[in-house]
């Protein structure tokens, strides 16, 4: 009976790995079909940054928001 439980665990683990691999492949395909739009800034993020800067600096103003990627 212990051998059957071990076999069931192996099959369950293999099924989970197969499902996760399939989902990863599906995500990669969807990302290739629908790439991220570059240069589009979310209005909520811009408003949040502007309000934090204004409250932290006593009326400061945001002139430019630029994203930098770290390597």
C-alpha atoms as a PDB file:
ATOM      1  CA  UNK A   1       0.000   0.000   0.000  1.00  0.00           C
ATOM      2  CA  UNK A   2       2.898   2.364   0.651  1.00  0.00           C
ATOM      3  CA  UNK A   3       4.100   1.862  -2.906  1.00  0.00           C
ATOM      4  CA  UNK A   4       0.720   2.975  -4.252  1.00  0.00           C
ATOM      5  CA  UNK A   5       0.823   6.152  -2.172  1.00  0.00           C
ATOM      6  CA  UNK A   6       4.318   6.902  -3.429  1.00  0.00           C
ATOM      7  CA  UNK A   7       3.231   6.398  -7.055  1.00  0.00           C
ATOM      8  CA  UNK A   8       0.201   8.657  -6.518  1.00  0.00           C
ATOM      9  CA  UNK A   9       2.456  11.378  -5.074  1.00  0.00           C
ATOM     10  CA  UNK A  10       4.836  11.117  -8.017  1.00  0.00           C
ATOM     11  CA  UNK A  11       1.941  11.409 -10.493  1.00  0.00           C
ATOM     12  CA  UNK A  12       0.445  14.350  -8.609  1.00  0.00           C
ATOM     13  CA  UNK A  13       3.812  16.145  -8.594  1.00  0.00           C
ATOM     14  CA  UNK A  14       4.232  15.481 -12.318  1.00  0.00           C
ATOM     15  CA  UNK A  15       0.722  16.788 -13.003  1.00  0.00           C
ATOM     16  CA  UNK A  16       1.417  20.006 -11.091  1.00  0.00           C
ATOM     17  CA  UNK A  17       4.701  20.537 -12.931  1.00  0.00           C
ATOM     18  CA  UNK A  18       2.974  19.908 -16.273  1.00  0.00           C
ATOM     19  CA  UNK A  19       0.157  22.327 -15.431  1.00  0.00           C
ATOM     20  CA  UNK A  20       2.555  25.062 -14.316  1.00  0.00           C
ATOM     21  CA  UNK A  21       4.665  24.568 -17.445  1.00  0.00           C
ATOM     22  CA  UNK A  22       1.583  24.867 -19.626  1.00  0.00           C
ATOM     23  CA  UNK A  23       0.496  28.059 -17.849  1.00  0.00           C
ATOM     24  CA  UNK A  24       3.999  29.549 -18.199  1.00  0.00           C
ATOM     25  CA  UNK A  25       3.972  28.796 -21.921  1.00  0.00           C
ATOM     26  CA  UNK A  26       0.502  30.305 -22.262  1.00  0.00           C
ATOM     27  CA  UNK A  27       1.631  33.465 -20.454  1.00  0.00           C
ATOM     28  CA  UNK A  28       4.670  33.767 -22.713  1.00  0.00           C
ATOM     29  CA  UNK A  29       2.473  33.463 -25.807  1.00  0.00           C
ATOM     30  CA  UNK A  30       0.024  36.074 -24.498  1.00  0.00           C
ATOM     31  CA  UNK A  31       2.868  38.471 -23.674  1.00  0.00           C
ATOM     32  CA  UNK A  32       4.212  38.081 -27.208  1.00  0.00           C
ATOM     33  CA  UNK A  33       0.760  38.730 -28.693  1.00  0.00           C
ATOM     34  CA  UNK A  34      -0.082  41.659 -26.397  1.00  0.00           C
ATOM     35  CA  UNK A  35       3.184  43.469 -25.522  1.00  0.00           C
ATOM     36  CA  UNK A  36       3.308  46.176 -22.883  1.00  0.00           C
ATOM     37  CA  UNK A  37       2.643  49.625 -24.254  1.00  0.00           C
ATOM     38  CA  UNK A  38       5.745  51.732 -23.832  1.00  0.00           C
ATOM     39  CA  UNK A  39       5.465  55.329 -22.764  1.00  0.00           C
ATOM     40  CA  UNK A  40       2.006  54.995 -21.323  1.00  0.00           C
ATOM     41  CA  UNK A  41       1.823  56.339 -17.788  1.00  0.00           C
ATOM     42  CA  UNK A  42      -0.993  55.412 -15.467  1.00  0.00           C
ATOM     43  CA  UNK A  43      -2.893  58.527 -14.396  1.00  0.00           C
ATOM     44  CA  UNK A  44      -3.387  57.167 -10.877  1.00  0.00           C
ATOM     45  CA  UNK A  45       0.362  56.663 -10.441  1.00  0.00           C
ATOM     46  CA  UNK A  46       1.150  60.154 -11.713  1.00  0.00           C
ATOM     47  CA  UNK A  47      -1.438  61.659  -9.356  1.00  0.00           C
ATOM     48  CA  UNK A  48      -0.123  59.673  -6.400  1.00  0.00           C
ATOM     49  CA  UNK A  49       3.482  60.707  -7.055  1.00  0.00           C
ATOM     50  CA  UNK A  50       2.474  64.340  -7.518  1.00  0.00           C
ATOM     51  CA  UNK A  51       0.445  64.427  -4.296  1.00  0.00           C
ATOM     52  CA  UNK A  52       3.238  62.803  -2.277  1.00  0.00           C
ATOM     53  CA  UNK A  53       5.811  65.258  -3.632  1.00  0.00           C
ATOM     54  CA  UNK A  54       3.502  68.199  -2.950  1.00  0.00           C
ATOM     55  CA  UNK A  55       2.842  67.136   0.640  1.00  0.00           C
ATOM     56  CA  UNK A  56       6.443  66.142   1.387  1.00  0.00           C
ATOM     57  CA  UNK A  57       8.031  69.320   0.026  1.00  0.00           C
ATOM     58  CA  UNK A  58       5.340  71.815   0.986  1.00  0.00           C
ATOM     59  CA  UNK A  59       3.815  72.504  -2.397  1.00  0.00           C
ATOM     60  CA  UNK A  60       6.486  71.029  -4.653  1.00  0.00           C
ATOM     61  CA  UNK A  61       5.665  70.258  -8.257  1.00  0.00           C
ATOM     62  CA  UNK A  62       6.541  67.227 -10.387  1.00  0.00           C
ATOM     63  CA  UNK A  63       8.010  68.234 -13.732  1.00  0.00           C
ATOM     64  CA  UNK A  64       9.063  64.890 -15.195  1.00  0.00           C
ATOM     65  CA  UNK A  65       8.604  61.256 -14.202  1.00  0.00           C
ATOM     66  CA  UNK A  66      11.156  58.910 -15.716  1.00  0.00           C
ATOM     67  CA  UNK A  67      11.528  55.171 -15.188  1.00  0.00           C
ATOM     68  CA  UNK A  68      15.043  53.791 -14.900  1.00  0.00           C
ATOM     69  CA  UNK A  69      15.740  50.090 -15.150  1.00  0.00           C
ATOM     70  CA  UNK A  70      18.292  48.559 -12.852  1.00  0.00           C
ATOM     71  CA  UNK A  71      20.579  45.882 -14.164  1.00  0.00           C
END
